[in-house]
């Protein structure tokens, strides 16, 4: 059964991320409120069908300009929280 998690990013233009994982921790849906629309649509297209652990490994630590985080980094943080919650 798919699990949906809402994550409120910190330090980014995006305000809310909604992530859905299947029973194998594969992302089946992802949406964002706020942020750079085109970039986040691109991220969505790339991560659908990927395992959460792989996404975390690829996106964790990415920064946006002078900020200490980014939307991809915050997605990784959200996925980490989600995995802790479902395990």
PDB file of N, CA and C in Angstrom:
ATOM      1  N   UNK A   1       0.831  -1.181   0.000  1.00  0.00           N
ATOM      2  CA  UNK A   1       0.000   0.000   0.000  1.00  0.00           C
ATOM      3  C   UNK A   1       0.880   1.251   0.000  1.00  0.00           C
ATOM      4  N   UNK A   2       0.568   2.197  -0.859  1.00  0.00           N
ATOM      5  CA  UNK A   2       1.339   3.437  -0.945  1.00  0.00           C
ATOM      6  C   UNK A   2       1.157   4.286   0.313  1.00  0.00           C
ATOM      7  N   UNK A   3       2.231   4.968   0.696  1.00  0.00           N
ATOM      8  CA  UNK A   3       2.203   5.887   1.843  1.00  0.00           C
ATOM      9  C   UNK A   3       2.518   7.287   1.335  1.00  0.00           C
ATOM     10  N   UNK A   4       1.713   8.260   1.756  1.00  0.00           N
ATOM     11  CA  UNK A   4       1.926   9.654   1.369  1.00  0.00           C
ATOM     12  C   UNK A   4       2.359  10.445   2.590  1.00  0.00           C
ATOM     13  N   UNK A   5       3.347  11.302   2.381  1.00  0.00           N
ATOM     14  CA  UNK A   5       3.956  12.079   3.448  1.00  0.00           C
ATOM     15  C   UNK A   5       4.033  13.528   3.011  1.00  0.00           C
ATOM     16  N   UNK A   6       3.686  14.452   3.894  1.00  0.00           N
ATOM     17  CA  UNK A   6       3.810  15.879   3.609  1.00  0.00           C
ATOM     18  C   UNK A   6       5.015  16.406   4.386  1.00  0.00           C
ATOM     19  N   UNK A   7       5.901  17.072   3.672  1.00  0.00           N
ATOM     20  CA  UNK A   7       7.114  17.633   4.267  1.00  0.00           C
ATOM     21  C   UNK A   7       7.119  19.134   4.027  1.00  0.00           C
ATOM     22  N   UNK A   8       7.422  19.897   5.066  1.00  0.00           N
ATOM     23  CA  UNK A   8       7.510  21.353   4.962  1.00  0.00           C
ATOM     24  C   UNK A   8       8.984  21.738   4.893  1.00  0.00           C
ATOM     25  N   UNK A   9       9.475  22.079   3.687  1.00  0.00           N
ATOM     26  CA  UNK A   9      10.890  22.396   3.511  1.00  0.00           C
ATOM     27  C   UNK A   9      11.315  23.616   4.330  1.00  0.00           C
ATOM     28  N   UNK A  10      12.572  23.634   4.663  1.00  0.00           N
ATOM     29  CA  UNK A  10      13.139  24.743   5.427  1.00  0.00           C
ATOM     30  C   UNK A  10      14.222  25.419   4.590  1.00  0.00           C
ATOM     31  N   UNK A  11      14.186  26.740   4.494  1.00  0.00           N
ATOM     32  CA  UNK A  11      15.248  27.485   3.826  1.00  0.00           C
ATOM     33  C   UNK A  11      15.159  27.541   2.314  1.00  0.00           C
ATOM     34  N   UNK A  12      13.989  27.205   1.748  1.00  0.00           N
ATOM     35  CA  UNK A  12      13.826  27.229   0.295  1.00  0.00           C
ATOM     36  C   UNK A  12      12.573  28.014  -0.075  1.00  0.00           C
ATOM     37  N   UNK A  13      12.419  28.276  -1.356  1.00  0.00           N
ATOM     38  CA  UNK A  13      11.232  28.960  -1.865  1.00  0.00           C
ATOM     39  C   UNK A  13      10.007  28.052  -1.843  1.00  0.00           C
ATOM     40  N   UNK A  14      10.222  26.755  -1.943  1.00  0.00           N
ATOM     41  CA  UNK A  14       9.090  25.827  -1.898  1.00  0.00           C
ATOM     42  C   UNK A  14       8.531  25.774  -0.475  1.00  0.00           C
ATOM     43  N   UNK A  15       7.225  25.628  -0.366  1.00  0.00           N
ATOM     44  CA  UNK A  15       6.552  25.668   0.930  1.00  0.00           C
ATOM     45  C   UNK A  15       6.074  24.308   1.419  1.00  0.00           C
ATOM     46  N   UNK A  16       5.793  23.404   0.503  1.00  0.00           N
ATOM     47  CA  UNK A  16       5.249  22.105   0.895  1.00  0.00           C
ATOM     48  C   UNK A  16       5.573  21.069  -0.172  1.00  0.00           C
ATOM     49  N   UNK A  17       6.051  19.914   0.271  1.00  0.00           N
ATOM     50  CA  UNK A  17       6.322  18.790  -0.630  1.00  0.00           C
ATOM     51  C   UNK A  17       5.454  17.619  -0.203  1.00  0.00           C
ATOM     52  N   UNK A  18       4.803  17.001  -1.167  1.00  0.00           N
ATOM     53  CA  UNK A  18       4.003  15.812  -0.908  1.00  0.00           C
ATOM     54  C   UNK A  18       4.631  14.659  -1.678  1.00  0.00           C
ATOM     55  N   UNK A  19       5.016  13.624  -0.948  1.00  0.00           N
ATOM     56  CA  UNK A  19       5.771  12.504  -1.506  1.00  0.00           C
ATOM     57  C   UNK A  19       4.995  11.220  -1.247  1.00  0.00           C
ATOM     58  N   UNK A  20       4.854  10.386  -2.274  1.00  0.00           N
ATOM     59  CA  UNK A  20       4.203   9.089  -2.116  1.00  0.00           C
ATOM     60  C   UNK A  20       5.189   7.982  -2.478  1.00  0.00           C
ATOM     61  N   UNK A  21       5.301   7.008  -1.571  1.00  0.00           N
ATOM     62  CA  UNK A  21       6.159   5.843  -1.785  1.00  0.00           C
ATOM     63  C   UNK A  21       5.312   4.582  -1.795  1.00  0.00           C
ATOM     64  N   UNK A  22       5.731   3.603  -2.615  1.00  0.00           N
ATOM     65  CA  UNK A  22       5.060   2.308  -2.583  1.00  0.00           C
ATOM     66  C   UNK A  22       5.707   1.428  -1.513  1.00  0.00           C
ATOM     67  N   UNK A  23       5.292   0.182  -1.439  1.00  0.00           N
ATOM     68  CA  UNK A  23       5.794  -0.723  -0.394  1.00  0.00           C
ATOM     69  C   UNK A  23       7.268  -1.060  -0.553  1.00  0.00           C
ATOM     70  N   UNK A  24       7.863  -0.763  -1.706  1.00  0.00           N
ATOM     71  CA  UNK A  24       9.291  -0.998  -1.947  1.00  0.00           C
ATOM     72  C   UNK A  24      10.121   0.280  -1.836  1.00  0.00           C
ATOM     73  N   UNK A  25       9.538   1.334  -1.274  1.00  0.00           N
ATOM     74  CA  UNK A  25      10.194   2.640  -1.113  1.00  0.00           C
ATOM     75  C   UNK A  25      10.529   3.293  -2.447  1.00  0.00           C
ATOM     76  N   UNK A  26       9.695   3.052  -3.449  1.00  0.00           N
ATOM     77  CA  UNK A  26       9.836   3.678  -4.760  1.00  0.00           C
ATOM     78  C   UNK A  26       8.859   4.849  -4.817  1.00  0.00           C
ATOM     79  N   UNK A  27       9.329   6.007  -5.289  1.00  0.00           N
ATOM     80  CA  UNK A  27       8.475   7.192  -5.402  1.00  0.00           C
ATOM     81  C   UNK A  27       7.458   6.966  -6.517  1.00  0.00           C
ATOM     82  N   UNK A  28       6.182   7.105  -6.162  1.00  0.00           N
ATOM     83  CA  UNK A  28       5.108   6.962  -7.150  1.00  0.00           C
ATOM     84  C   UNK A  28       4.443   8.293  -7.472  1.00  0.00           C
ATOM     85  N   UNK A  29       4.647   9.290  -6.593  1.00  0.00           N
ATOM     86  CA  UNK A  29       4.114  10.626  -6.867  1.00  0.00           C
ATOM     87  C   UNK A  29       4.901  11.641  -6.046  1.00  0.00           C
ATOM     88  N   UNK A  30       4.974  12.865  -6.577  1.00  0.00           N
ATOM     89  CA  UNK A  30       5.701  13.949  -5.914  1.00  0.00           C
ATOM     90  C   UNK A  30       5.130  15.262  -6.413  1.00  0.00           C
ATOM     91  N   UNK A  31       4.778  16.136  -5.481  1.00  0.00           N
ATOM     92  CA  UNK A  31       4.305  17.467  -5.871  1.00  0.00           C
ATOM     93  C   UNK A  31       4.857  18.489  -4.888  1.00  0.00           C
ATOM     94  N   UNK A  32       4.946  19.733  -5.365  1.00  0.00           N
ATOM     95  CA  UNK A  32       5.524  20.813  -4.570  1.00  0.00           C
ATOM     96  C   UNK A  32       4.659  22.057  -4.715  1.00  0.00           C
ATOM     97  N   UNK A  33       4.480  22.760  -3.614  1.00  0.00           N
ATOM     98  CA  UNK A  33       3.846  24.076  -3.648  1.00  0.00           C
ATOM     99  C   UNK A  33       4.944  25.110  -3.471  1.00  0.00           C
ATOM    100  N   UNK A  34       4.971  26.101  -4.358  1.00  0.00           N
ATOM    101  CA  UNK A  34       6.014  27.119  -4.330  1.00  0.00           C
ATOM    102  C   UNK A  34       7.258  26.624  -5.052  1.00  0.00           C
ATOM    103  N   UNK A  35       8.286  27.416  -5.027  1.00  0.00           N
ATOM    104  CA  UNK A  35       9.540  27.034  -5.668  1.00  0.00           C
ATOM    105  C   UNK A  35       9.533  27.331  -7.156  1.00  0.00           C
ATOM    106  N   UNK A  36      10.569  26.917  -7.829  1.00  0.00           N
ATOM    107  CA  UNK A  36      10.740  27.143  -9.267  1.00  0.00           C
ATOM    108  C   UNK A  36       9.981  26.062 -10.033  1.00  0.00           C
ATOM    109  N   UNK A  37       8.856  26.409 -10.576  1.00  0.00           N
ATOM    110  CA  UNK A  37       7.927  25.466 -11.179  1.00  0.00           C
ATOM    111  C   UNK A  37       8.579  24.520 -12.186  1.00  0.00           C
ATOM    112  N   UNK A  38       9.295  25.055 -13.152  1.00  0.00           N
ATOM    113  CA  UNK A  38       9.908  24.212 -14.184  1.00  0.00           C
ATOM    114  C   UNK A  38      10.937  23.254 -13.617  1.00  0.00           C
ATOM    115  N   UNK A  39      11.789  23.739 -12.725  1.00  0.00           N
ATOM    116  CA  UNK A  39      12.810  22.874 -12.131  1.00  0.00           C
ATOM    117  C   UNK A  39      12.175  21.748 -11.317  1.00  0.00           C
ATOM    118  N   UNK A  40      11.129  22.083 -10.566  1.00  0.00           N
ATOM    119  CA  UNK A  40      10.498  21.066  -9.735  1.00  0.00           C
ATOM    120  C   UNK A  40       9.711  20.060 -10.570  1.00  0.00           C
ATOM    121  N   UNK A  41       9.151  20.491 -11.691  1.00  0.00           N
ATOM    122  CA  UNK A  41       8.522  19.537 -12.612  1.00  0.00           C
ATOM    123  C   UNK A  41       9.573  18.599 -13.182  1.00  0.00           C
ATOM    124  N   UNK A  42      10.750  19.128 -13.467  1.00  0.00           N
ATOM    125  CA  UNK A  42      11.848  18.308 -13.962  1.00  0.00           C
ATOM    126  C   UNK A  42      12.300  17.289 -12.931  1.00  0.00           C
ATOM    127  N   UNK A  43      12.443  17.727 -11.675  1.00  0.00           N
ATOM    128  CA  UNK A  43      12.820  16.808 -10.602  1.00  0.00           C
ATOM    129  C   UNK A  43      11.777  15.705 -10.484  1.00  0.00           C
ATOM    130  N   UNK A  44      10.491  16.077 -10.531  1.00  0.00           N
ATOM    131  CA  UNK A  44       9.421  15.092 -10.439  1.00  0.00           C
ATOM    132  C   UNK A  44       9.550  14.048 -11.542  1.00  0.00           C
ATOM    133  N   UNK A  45       9.753  14.512 -12.767  1.00  0.00           N
ATOM    134  CA  UNK A  45       9.863  13.586 -13.901  1.00  0.00           C
ATOM    135  C   UNK A  45      11.035  12.627 -13.725  1.00  0.00           C
ATOM    136  N   UNK A  46      12.108  13.096 -13.106  1.00  0.00           N
ATOM    137  CA  UNK A  46      13.290  12.252 -12.928  1.00  0.00           C
ATOM    138  C   UNK A  46      13.155  11.255 -11.778  1.00  0.00           C
ATOM    139  N   UNK A  47      12.445  11.613 -10.702  1.00  0.00           N
ATOM    140  CA  UNK A  47      12.436  10.742  -9.521  1.00  0.00           C
ATOM    141  C   UNK A  47      11.295   9.734  -9.495  1.00  0.00           C
ATOM    142  N   UNK A  48      10.239   9.939 -10.271  1.00  0.00           N
ATOM    143  CA  UNK A  48       9.144   8.972 -10.278  1.00  0.00           C
ATOM    144  C   UNK A  48       9.716   7.630 -10.744  1.00  0.00           C
ATOM    145  N   UNK A  49       9.503   6.601  -9.955  1.00  0.00           N
ATOM    146  CA  UNK A  49      10.020   5.272 -10.276  1.00  0.00           C
ATOM    147  C   UNK A  49      11.363   4.952  -9.645  1.00  0.00           C
ATOM    148  N   UNK A  50      11.972   5.933  -8.971  1.00  0.00           N
ATOM    149  CA  UNK A  50      13.269   5.708  -8.311  1.00  0.00           C
ATOM    150  C   UNK A  50      13.069   5.330  -6.845  1.00  0.00           C
ATOM    151  N   UNK A  51      13.990   4.536  -6.319  1.00  0.00           N
ATOM    152  CA  UNK A  51      13.968   4.204  -4.899  1.00  0.00           C
ATOM    153  C   UNK A  51      14.402   5.417  -4.080  1.00  0.00           C
ATOM    154  N   UNK A  52      13.777   5.575  -2.932  1.00  0.00           N
ATOM    155  CA  UNK A  52      14.043   6.719  -2.063  1.00  0.00           C
ATOM    156  C   UNK A  52      15.519   6.816  -1.690  1.00  0.00           C
ATOM    157  N   UNK A  53      16.153   5.695  -1.369  1.00  0.00           N
ATOM    158  CA  UNK A  53      17.575   5.722  -0.972  1.00  0.00           C
ATOM    159  C   UNK A  53      18.464   6.287  -2.071  1.00  0.00           C
ATOM    160  N   UNK A  54      18.171   5.944  -3.314  1.00  0.00           N
ATOM    161  CA  UNK A  54      18.973   6.449  -4.426  1.00  0.00           C
ATOM    162  C   UNK A  54      18.783   7.960  -4.589  1.00  0.00           C
ATOM    163  N   UNK A  55      17.547   8.411  -4.436  1.00  0.00           N
ATOM    164  CA  UNK A  55      17.264   9.851  -4.534  1.00  0.00           C
ATOM    165  C   UNK A  55      18.017  10.603  -3.443  1.00  0.00           C
ATOM    166  N   UNK A  56      17.968  10.096  -2.226  1.00  0.00           N
ATOM    167  CA  UNK A  56      18.672  10.734  -1.104  1.00  0.00           C
ATOM    168  C   UNK A  56      20.165  10.820  -1.414  1.00  0.00           C
ATOM    169  N   UNK A  57      20.727   9.726  -1.874  1.00  0.00           N
ATOM    170  CA  UNK A  57      22.166   9.687  -2.184  1.00  0.00           C
ATOM    171  C   UNK A  57      22.534  10.724  -3.245  1.00  0.00           C
ATOM    172  N   UNK A  58      21.702  10.881  -4.251  1.00  0.00           N
ATOM    173  CA  UNK A  58      22.013  11.800  -5.352  1.00  0.00           C
ATOM    174  C   UNK A  58      21.776  13.270  -5.007  1.00  0.00           C
ATOM    175  N   UNK A  59      20.766  13.569  -4.165  1.00  0.00           N
ATOM    176  CA  UNK A  59      20.355  14.955  -3.963  1.00  0.00           C
ATOM    177  C   UNK A  59      20.817  15.580  -2.650  1.00  0.00           C
ATOM    178  N   UNK A  60      21.154  14.770  -1.665  1.00  0.00           N
ATOM    179  CA  UNK A  60      21.540  15.285  -0.347  1.00  0.00           C
ATOM    180  C   UNK A  60      22.764  16.188  -0.472  1.00  0.00           C
ATOM    181  N   UNK A  61      22.657  17.396   0.105  1.00  0.00           N
ATOM    182  CA  UNK A  61      23.791  18.318   0.147  1.00  0.00           C
ATOM    183  C   UNK A  61      23.860  19.327  -0.985  1.00  0.00           C
ATOM    184  N   UNK A  62      22.968  19.221  -1.975  1.00  0.00           N
ATOM    185  CA  UNK A  62      22.960  20.207  -3.064  1.00  0.00           C
ATOM    186  C   UNK A  62      22.527  21.557  -2.495  1.00  0.00           C
ATOM    187  N   UNK A  63      23.234  22.609  -2.868  1.00  0.00           N
ATOM    188  CA  UNK A  63      22.918  23.960  -2.383  1.00  0.00           C
ATOM    189  C   UNK A  63      22.365  24.814  -3.518  1.00  0.00           C
ATOM    190  N   UNK A  64      21.588  25.825  -3.164  1.00  0.00           N
ATOM    191  CA  UNK A  64      21.025  26.770  -4.124  1.00  0.00           C
ATOM    192  C   UNK A  64      21.683  28.125  -3.877  1.00  0.00           C
ATOM    193  N   UNK A  65      22.593  28.503  -4.774  1.00  0.00           N
ATOM    194  CA  UNK A  65      23.275  29.791  -4.623  1.00  0.00           C
ATOM    195  C   UNK A  65      23.976  29.896  -3.285  1.00  0.00           C
ATOM    196  N   UNK A  66      23.696  30.953  -2.554  1.00  0.00           N
ATOM    197  CA  UNK A  66      24.326  31.212  -1.267  1.00  0.00           C
ATOM    198  C   UNK A  66      23.645  30.481  -0.107  1.00  0.00           C
ATOM    199  N   UNK A  67      22.499  29.844  -0.365  1.00  0.00           N
ATOM    200  CA  UNK A  67      21.760  29.150   0.689  1.00  0.00           C
ATOM    201  C   UNK A  67      22.479  27.864   1.077  1.00  0.00           C
ATOM    202  N   UNK A  68      22.234  27.420   2.293  1.00  0.00           N
ATOM    203  CA  UNK A  68      22.868  26.187   2.767  1.00  0.00           C
ATOM    204  C   UNK A  68      22.095  24.940   2.362  1.00  0.00           C
ATOM    205  N   UNK A  69      20.984  25.117   1.640  1.00  0.00           N
ATOM    206  CA  UNK A  69      20.152  24.010   1.199  1.00  0.00           C
ATOM    207  C   UNK A  69      19.554  24.339  -0.165  1.00  0.00           C
ATOM    208  N   UNK A  70      18.683  23.470  -0.657  1.00  0.00           N
ATOM    209  CA  UNK A  70      18.001  23.671  -1.940  1.00  0.00           C
ATOM    210  C   UNK A  70      16.749  22.808  -1.933  1.00  0.00           C
ATOM    211  N   UNK A  71      15.915  22.959  -2.946  1.00  0.00           N
ATOM    212  CA  UNK A  71      14.744  22.089  -3.053  1.00  0.00           C
ATOM    213  C   UNK A  71      15.149  20.619  -3.197  1.00  0.00           C
ATOM    214  N   UNK A  72      16.159  20.275  -4.021  1.00  0.00           N
ATOM    215  CA  UNK A  72      16.576  18.875  -4.072  1.00  0.00           C
ATOM    216  C   UNK A  72      17.078  18.363  -2.716  1.00  0.00           C
ATOM    217  N   UNK A  73      17.853  19.174  -2.006  1.00  0.00           N
ATOM    218  CA  UNK A  73      18.350  18.786  -0.684  1.00  0.00           C
ATOM    219  C   UNK A  73      17.187  18.594   0.279  1.00  0.00           C
ATOM    220  N   UNK A  74      16.210  19.491   0.227  1.00  0.00           N
ATOM    221  CA  UNK A  74      15.059  19.369   1.106  1.00  0.00           C
ATOM    222  C   UNK A  74      14.208  18.149   0.757  1.00  0.00           C
ATOM    223  N   UNK A  75      14.130  17.790  -0.513  1.00  0.00           N
ATOM    224  CA  UNK A  75      13.459  16.559  -0.907  1.00  0.00           C
ATOM    225  C   UNK A  75      14.170  15.370  -0.256  1.00  0.00           C
ATOM    226  N   UNK A  76      15.488  15.358  -0.295  1.00  0.00           N
ATOM    227  CA  UNK A  76      16.255  14.285   0.346  1.00  0.00           C
ATOM    228  C   UNK A  76      15.970  14.239   1.846  1.00  0.00           C
ATOM    229  N   UNK A  77      15.915  15.399   2.490  1.00  0.00           N
ATOM    230  CA  UNK A  77      15.610  15.458   3.926  1.00  0.00           C
ATOM    231  C   UNK A  77      14.212  14.913   4.204  1.00  0.00           C
ATOM    232  N   UNK A  78      13.260  15.285   3.365  1.00  0.00           N
ATOM    233  CA  UNK A  78      11.898  14.798   3.519  1.00  0.00           C
ATOM    234  C   UNK A  78      11.820  13.291   3.357  1.00  0.00           C
ATOM    235  N   UNK A  79      12.530  12.760   2.380  1.00  0.00           N
ATOM    236  CA  UNK A  79      12.548  11.319   2.170  1.00  0.00           C
ATOM    237  C   UNK A  79      13.189  10.599   3.360  1.00  0.00           C
ATOM    238  N   UNK A  80      14.246  11.168   3.904  1.00  0.00           N
ATOM    239  CA  UNK A  80      14.874  10.559   5.086  1.00  0.00           C
ATOM    240  C   UNK A  80      13.880  10.483   6.243  1.00  0.00           C
ATOM    241  N   UNK A  81      13.149  11.574   6.473  1.00  0.00           N
ATOM    242  CA  UNK A  81      12.140  11.582   7.538  1.00  0.00           C
ATOM    243  C   UNK A  81      11.053  10.550   7.256  1.00  0.00           C
ATOM    244  N   UNK A  82      10.630  10.483   6.014  1.00  0.00           N
ATOM    245  CA  UNK A  82       9.571   9.549   5.632  1.00  0.00           C
ATOM    246  C   UNK A  82      10.014   8.104   5.863  1.00  0.00           C
ATOM    247  N   UNK A  83      11.246   7.775   5.463  1.00  0.00           N
ATOM    248  CA  UNK A  83      11.742   6.414   5.645  1.00  0.00           C
ATOM    249  C   UNK A  83      11.824   6.045   7.123  1.00  0.00           C
ATOM    250  N   UNK A  84      12.220   7.004   7.967  1.00  0.00           N
ATOM    251  CA  UNK A  84      12.267   6.742   9.409  1.00  0.00           C
ATOM    252  C   UNK A  84      10.865   6.449   9.946  1.00  0.00           C
ATOM    253  N   UNK A  85       9.884   7.174   9.430  1.00  0.00           N
ATOM    254  CA  UNK A  85       8.509   7.035   9.887  1.00  0.00           C
ATOM    255  C   UNK A  85       7.880   5.714   9.476  1.00  0.00           C
ATOM    256  N   UNK A  86       8.189   5.243   8.270  1.00  0.00           N
ATOM    257  CA  UNK A  86       7.552   4.021   7.777  1.00  0.00           C
ATOM    258  C   UNK A  86       8.287   2.753   8.192  1.00  0.00           C
ATOM    259  N   UNK A  87       9.499   2.870   8.677  1.00  0.00           N
ATOM    260  CA  UNK A  87      10.281   1.679   9.090  1.00  0.00           C
ATOM    261  C   UNK A  87       9.979   1.297  10.513  1.00  0.00           C
TER     262      UNK A  87
END
